[in-house]
């Protein structure tokens, strides 16, 4: 039952990320073609609650998606069947991704 829930959670995180990735790529292309510098981008994103929410949602979805995906890869590749160890590893990896992402989010939008 846990595997089904993780499968569904990973698919849900992918559904959340898909439009956010497309938006991010569109913004990157716009910035590069418009000749916007990194300083100008930071000037636009810093202090913006909208950008913080956009990239915050992106970050949470990506951390969940990546941690579950890594769990599946380890279980299949290394034939690990120790569920408590896999669960603990998934939580730890997800937490590390989330913490690192929140630090970057803070630096780009809220600092």
N, C-alpha and C. Protein backbone atom coordinates (compact mmCIF):
# COMPACT_ATOMS: atom_id res chain seq x y z
N UNK A 1 0.82 -1.20 0.00
CA UNK A 1 0.00 0.00 0.00
C UNK A 1 0.86 1.26 0.00
N UNK A 2 1.99 1.21 0.72
CA UNK A 2 2.89 2.35 0.76
C UNK A 2 3.45 2.63 -0.63
N UNK A 3 3.80 1.57 -1.36
CA UNK A 3 4.35 1.77 -2.70
C UNK A 3 3.34 2.45 -3.62
N UNK A 4 2.08 2.10 -3.50
CA UNK A 4 1.05 2.74 -4.31
C UNK A 4 0.91 4.22 -3.95
N UNK A 5 0.96 4.52 -2.67
CA UNK A 5 0.86 5.92 -2.25
C UNK A 5 2.06 6.73 -2.73
N UNK A 6 3.25 6.14 -2.63
CA UNK A 6 4.44 6.84 -3.13
C UNK A 6 4.38 7.02 -4.64
N UNK A 7 3.89 6.01 -5.34
CA UNK A 7 3.73 6.10 -6.79
C UNK A 7 2.79 7.26 -7.14
N UNK A 8 1.66 7.33 -6.46
CA UNK A 8 0.69 8.39 -6.72
C UNK A 8 1.25 9.76 -6.33
N UNK A 9 1.98 9.83 -5.23
CA UNK A 9 2.57 11.10 -4.80
C UNK A 9 3.61 11.57 -5.81
N UNK A 10 4.38 10.65 -6.36
CA UNK A 10 5.37 11.05 -7.36
C UNK A 10 4.68 11.54 -8.63
N UNK A 11 3.61 10.88 -9.03
CA UNK A 11 2.88 11.32 -10.21
C UNK A 11 2.23 12.68 -9.98
N UNK A 12 1.71 12.90 -8.79
CA UNK A 12 1.11 14.19 -8.45
C UNK A 12 2.17 15.29 -8.46
N UNK A 13 3.35 15.00 -7.92
CA UNK A 13 4.42 16.00 -7.94
C UNK A 13 4.84 16.31 -9.38
N UNK A 14 4.80 15.32 -10.25
CA UNK A 14 5.13 15.55 -11.67
C UNK A 14 4.07 16.45 -12.32
N UNK A 15 2.81 16.23 -11.96
CA UNK A 15 1.74 17.08 -12.50
C UNK A 15 1.89 18.53 -12.05
N UNK A 16 2.34 18.72 -10.84
CA UNK A 16 2.56 20.08 -10.33
C UNK A 16 3.77 20.70 -11.02
N UNK A 17 4.82 19.91 -11.18
CA UNK A 17 6.06 20.44 -11.75
C UNK A 17 5.96 20.76 -13.24
N UNK A 18 5.18 20.01 -14.00
CA UNK A 18 5.16 20.17 -15.46
C UNK A 18 4.89 21.61 -15.90
N UNK A 19 3.82 22.25 -15.44
CA UNK A 19 3.62 23.64 -15.88
C UNK A 19 4.65 24.60 -15.30
N UNK A 20 5.15 24.29 -14.11
CA UNK A 20 6.16 25.15 -13.51
C UNK A 20 7.48 25.08 -14.28
N UNK A 21 7.83 23.90 -14.75
CA UNK A 21 9.04 23.75 -15.57
C UNK A 21 8.88 24.52 -16.87
N UNK A 22 7.73 24.39 -17.51
CA UNK A 22 7.50 25.11 -18.76
C UNK A 22 7.57 26.62 -18.54
N UNK A 23 6.98 27.09 -17.46
CA UNK A 23 7.05 28.51 -17.13
C UNK A 23 8.47 28.96 -16.87
N UNK A 24 9.21 28.16 -16.15
CA UNK A 24 10.61 28.47 -15.85
C UNK A 24 11.44 28.55 -17.13
N UNK A 25 11.26 27.56 -18.01
CA UNK A 25 12.00 27.57 -19.27
C UNK A 25 11.63 28.77 -20.12
N UNK A 26 10.35 29.11 -20.18
CA UNK A 26 9.92 30.27 -20.95
C UNK A 26 10.55 31.54 -20.39
N UNK A 27 10.59 31.66 -19.07
CA UNK A 27 11.20 32.83 -18.46
C UNK A 27 12.70 32.90 -18.74
N UNK A 28 13.36 31.75 -18.71
CA UNK A 28 14.80 31.73 -19.01
C UNK A 28 15.06 32.15 -20.45
N UNK A 29 14.27 31.64 -21.37
CA UNK A 29 14.45 32.00 -22.78
C UNK A 29 14.20 33.49 -22.97
N UNK A 30 13.14 34.00 -22.35
CA UNK A 30 12.84 35.43 -22.43
C UNK A 30 13.99 36.27 -21.88
N UNK A 31 14.53 35.85 -20.74
CA UNK A 31 15.62 36.61 -20.12
C UNK A 31 16.88 36.59 -20.98
N UNK A 32 17.21 35.44 -21.54
CA UNK A 32 18.42 35.33 -22.36
C UNK A 32 18.27 36.12 -23.64
N UNK A 33 17.12 35.99 -24.29
CA UNK A 33 16.92 36.71 -25.54
C UNK A 33 16.78 38.22 -25.31
N UNK A 34 16.27 38.59 -24.14
CA UNK A 34 16.11 40.00 -23.83
C UNK A 34 17.38 40.64 -23.32
N UNK A 35 18.41 39.83 -23.10
CA UNK A 35 19.68 40.36 -22.63
C UNK A 35 19.65 40.83 -21.19
N UNK A 36 18.78 40.23 -20.39
CA UNK A 36 18.67 40.61 -18.99
C UNK A 36 19.83 39.99 -18.22
N UNK A 37 20.50 40.78 -17.42
CA UNK A 37 21.64 40.27 -16.64
C UNK A 37 21.14 39.58 -15.36
N UNK A 38 22.06 38.85 -14.74
CA UNK A 38 21.72 38.18 -13.49
C UNK A 38 21.32 39.20 -12.42
N UNK A 39 21.99 40.33 -12.40
CA UNK A 39 21.65 41.38 -11.44
C UNK A 39 20.26 41.92 -11.65
N UNK A 40 19.87 42.09 -12.91
CA UNK A 40 18.52 42.56 -13.21
C UNK A 40 17.46 41.53 -12.82
N UNK A 41 17.78 40.26 -13.04
CA UNK A 41 16.85 39.19 -12.65
C UNK A 41 16.67 39.20 -11.14
N UNK A 42 17.77 39.27 -10.40
CA UNK A 42 17.67 39.30 -8.94
C UNK A 42 16.93 40.54 -8.46
N UNK A 43 17.11 41.66 -9.12
CA UNK A 43 16.40 42.88 -8.73
C UNK A 43 14.89 42.69 -8.90
N UNK A 44 14.49 41.90 -9.87
CA UNK A 44 13.06 41.65 -10.10
C UNK A 44 12.48 40.60 -9.16
N UNK A 45 13.30 39.65 -8.75
CA UNK A 45 12.77 38.55 -7.92
C UNK A 45 12.87 38.84 -6.42
N UNK A 46 13.86 39.59 -6.00
CA UNK A 46 14.04 39.82 -4.57
C UNK A 46 12.90 40.66 -4.01
N UNK A 47 12.37 40.19 -2.90
CA UNK A 47 11.27 40.87 -2.25
C UNK A 47 9.92 40.56 -2.86
N UNK A 48 9.86 39.64 -3.80
CA UNK A 48 8.61 39.31 -4.48
C UNK A 48 7.98 38.07 -3.87
N UNK A 49 6.82 38.24 -3.27
CA UNK A 49 6.09 37.11 -2.70
C UNK A 49 5.63 36.16 -3.80
N UNK A 50 5.24 36.72 -4.94
CA UNK A 50 4.79 35.88 -6.06
C UNK A 50 5.85 34.91 -6.55
N UNK A 51 7.08 35.43 -6.74
CA UNK A 51 8.16 34.55 -7.18
C UNK A 51 8.52 33.55 -6.08
N UNK A 52 8.45 33.97 -4.83
CA UNK A 52 8.75 33.06 -3.72
C UNK A 52 7.73 31.92 -3.70
N UNK A 53 6.47 32.22 -3.92
CA UNK A 53 5.44 31.17 -3.93
C UNK A 53 5.61 30.26 -5.15
N UNK A 54 5.88 30.85 -6.31
CA UNK A 54 6.05 30.07 -7.54
C UNK A 54 7.20 29.08 -7.37
N UNK A 55 8.37 29.60 -7.00
CA UNK A 55 9.53 28.71 -6.89
C UNK A 55 9.49 27.86 -5.63
N UNK A 56 8.77 28.31 -4.61
CA UNK A 56 8.59 27.48 -3.43
C UNK A 56 7.78 26.23 -3.74
N UNK A 57 6.70 26.40 -4.49
CA UNK A 57 5.89 25.25 -4.91
C UNK A 57 6.71 24.33 -5.80
N UNK A 58 7.47 24.92 -6.71
CA UNK A 58 8.35 24.16 -7.60
C UNK A 58 9.35 23.34 -6.78
N UNK A 59 9.93 23.97 -5.80
CA UNK A 59 10.95 23.33 -4.97
C UNK A 59 10.37 22.17 -4.16
N UNK A 60 9.23 22.35 -3.55
CA UNK A 60 8.61 21.27 -2.76
C UNK A 60 8.27 20.09 -3.67
N UNK A 61 7.68 20.36 -4.82
CA UNK A 61 7.33 19.29 -5.75
C UNK A 61 8.58 18.55 -6.24
N UNK A 62 9.63 19.30 -6.54
CA UNK A 62 10.87 18.68 -7.03
C UNK A 62 11.54 17.83 -5.95
N UNK A 63 11.54 18.31 -4.71
CA UNK A 63 12.16 17.56 -3.61
C UNK A 63 11.41 16.24 -3.38
N UNK A 64 10.10 16.29 -3.40
CA UNK A 64 9.29 15.07 -3.22
C UNK A 64 9.54 14.12 -4.38
N UNK A 65 9.46 14.64 -5.59
CA UNK A 65 9.61 13.82 -6.79
C UNK A 65 10.98 13.14 -6.84
N UNK A 66 12.03 13.89 -6.56
CA UNK A 66 13.39 13.35 -6.63
C UNK A 66 13.65 12.32 -5.54
N UNK A 67 13.19 12.58 -4.33
CA UNK A 67 13.43 11.64 -3.24
C UNK A 67 12.74 10.30 -3.50
N UNK A 68 11.50 10.35 -3.95
CA UNK A 68 10.78 9.10 -4.24
C UNK A 68 11.43 8.38 -5.42
N UNK A 69 11.83 9.13 -6.44
CA UNK A 69 12.49 8.51 -7.59
C UNK A 69 13.79 7.83 -7.20
N UNK A 70 14.55 8.47 -6.35
CA UNK A 70 15.81 7.88 -5.88
C UNK A 70 15.54 6.61 -5.07
N UNK A 71 14.48 6.63 -4.29
CA UNK A 71 14.10 5.44 -3.51
C UNK A 71 13.80 4.27 -4.45
N UNK A 72 13.06 4.52 -5.50
CA UNK A 72 12.70 3.47 -6.45
C UNK A 72 13.95 2.95 -7.16
N UNK A 73 14.82 3.85 -7.58
CA UNK A 73 16.06 3.44 -8.25
C UNK A 73 16.91 2.56 -7.35
N UNK A 74 17.06 2.97 -6.09
CA UNK A 74 17.85 2.15 -5.15
C UNK A 74 17.21 0.79 -4.92
N UNK A 75 15.89 0.78 -4.75
CA UNK A 75 15.20 -0.49 -4.50
C UNK A 75 15.35 -1.45 -5.68
N UNK A 76 15.27 -0.92 -6.89
CA UNK A 76 15.34 -1.78 -8.08
C UNK A 76 16.77 -2.14 -8.46
N UNK A 77 17.68 -1.18 -8.37
CA UNK A 77 19.05 -1.42 -8.80
C UNK A 77 19.83 -2.28 -7.80
N UNK A 78 19.71 -1.94 -6.54
CA UNK A 78 20.47 -2.64 -5.52
C UNK A 78 19.66 -3.75 -4.86
N UNK A 79 18.47 -3.97 -5.38
CA UNK A 79 17.53 -4.95 -4.81
C UNK A 79 17.41 -4.81 -3.29
N UNK A 80 17.30 -3.56 -2.86
CA UNK A 80 17.09 -3.30 -1.43
C UNK A 80 15.62 -3.51 -1.10
N UNK A 81 15.38 -4.32 -0.15
CA UNK A 81 13.99 -4.58 0.25
C UNK A 81 13.77 -4.21 1.72
N UNK A 82 14.75 -3.60 2.33
CA UNK A 82 14.63 -3.17 3.71
C UNK A 82 13.81 -1.89 3.73
N UNK A 83 12.51 -2.04 3.88
CA UNK A 83 11.61 -0.90 3.78
C UNK A 83 11.92 0.22 4.78
N UNK A 84 12.18 -0.07 6.05
CA UNK A 84 12.49 1.04 6.97
C UNK A 84 13.73 1.83 6.55
N UNK A 85 14.74 1.15 6.05
CA UNK A 85 15.94 1.84 5.60
C UNK A 85 15.65 2.71 4.38
N UNK A 86 14.90 2.17 3.44
CA UNK A 86 14.53 2.94 2.25
C UNK A 86 13.67 4.15 2.63
N UNK A 87 12.73 3.96 3.54
CA UNK A 87 11.88 5.06 3.98
C UNK A 87 12.70 6.15 4.66
N UNK A 88 13.61 5.75 5.52
CA UNK A 88 14.45 6.72 6.22
C UNK A 88 15.34 7.47 5.23
N UNK A 89 15.90 6.74 4.28
CA UNK A 89 16.75 7.37 3.27
C UNK A 89 15.94 8.36 2.43
N UNK A 90 14.73 7.96 2.04
CA UNK A 90 13.87 8.84 1.25
C UNK A 90 13.55 10.12 2.01
N UNK A 91 13.22 9.99 3.27
CA UNK A 91 12.93 11.18 4.08
C UNK A 91 14.16 12.06 4.24
N UNK A 92 15.32 11.46 4.46
CA UNK A 92 16.54 12.24 4.63
C UNK A 92 16.92 12.98 3.35
N UNK A 93 16.86 12.30 2.22
CA UNK A 93 17.18 12.93 0.94
C UNK A 93 16.19 14.05 0.64
N UNK A 94 14.91 13.78 0.84
CA UNK A 94 13.90 14.81 0.63
C UNK A 94 14.13 16.03 1.52
N UNK A 95 14.50 15.78 2.77
CA UNK A 95 14.76 16.89 3.70
C UNK A 95 15.98 17.70 3.27
N UNK A 96 17.03 17.02 2.84
CA UNK A 96 18.23 17.73 2.37
C UNK A 96 17.90 18.57 1.14
N UNK A 97 17.20 17.99 0.18
CA UNK A 97 16.80 18.75 -1.02
C UNK A 97 15.95 19.96 -0.63
N UNK A 98 15.03 19.76 0.28
CA UNK A 98 14.14 20.84 0.70
C UNK A 98 14.92 21.95 1.41
N UNK A 99 15.82 21.59 2.30
CA UNK A 99 16.61 22.59 3.03
C UNK A 99 17.51 23.38 2.08
N UNK A 100 18.21 22.67 1.20
CA UNK A 100 19.08 23.37 0.24
C UNK A 100 18.27 24.26 -0.69
N UNK A 101 17.13 23.76 -1.13
CA UNK A 101 16.27 24.55 -2.00
C UNK A 101 15.71 25.78 -1.31
N UNK A 102 15.32 25.63 -0.05
CA UNK A 102 14.80 26.78 0.70
C UNK A 102 15.88 27.84 0.91
N UNK A 103 17.10 27.41 1.11
CA UNK A 103 18.20 28.38 1.24
C UNK A 103 18.38 29.15 -0.06
N UNK A 104 18.34 28.45 -1.18
CA UNK A 104 18.48 29.13 -2.49
C UNK A 104 17.28 30.03 -2.74
N UNK A 105 16.09 29.56 -2.42
CA UNK A 105 14.88 30.35 -2.60
C UNK A 105 14.95 31.63 -1.79
N UNK A 106 15.40 31.51 -0.56
CA UNK A 106 15.54 32.69 0.30
C UNK A 106 16.52 33.69 -0.31
N UNK A 107 17.63 33.20 -0.83
CA UNK A 107 18.65 34.08 -1.39
C UNK A 107 18.14 34.80 -2.65
N UNK A 108 17.33 34.12 -3.43
CA UNK A 108 16.89 34.69 -4.70
C UNK A 108 15.65 35.57 -4.56
N UNK A 109 14.76 35.24 -3.63
CA UNK A 109 13.50 35.97 -3.56
C UNK A 109 13.29 36.80 -2.31
N UNK A 110 13.80 36.35 -1.20
CA UNK A 110 13.44 37.02 0.05
C UNK A 110 14.58 37.80 0.69
N UNK A 111 15.80 37.63 0.21
CA UNK A 111 16.95 38.30 0.83
C UNK A 111 17.00 39.76 0.44
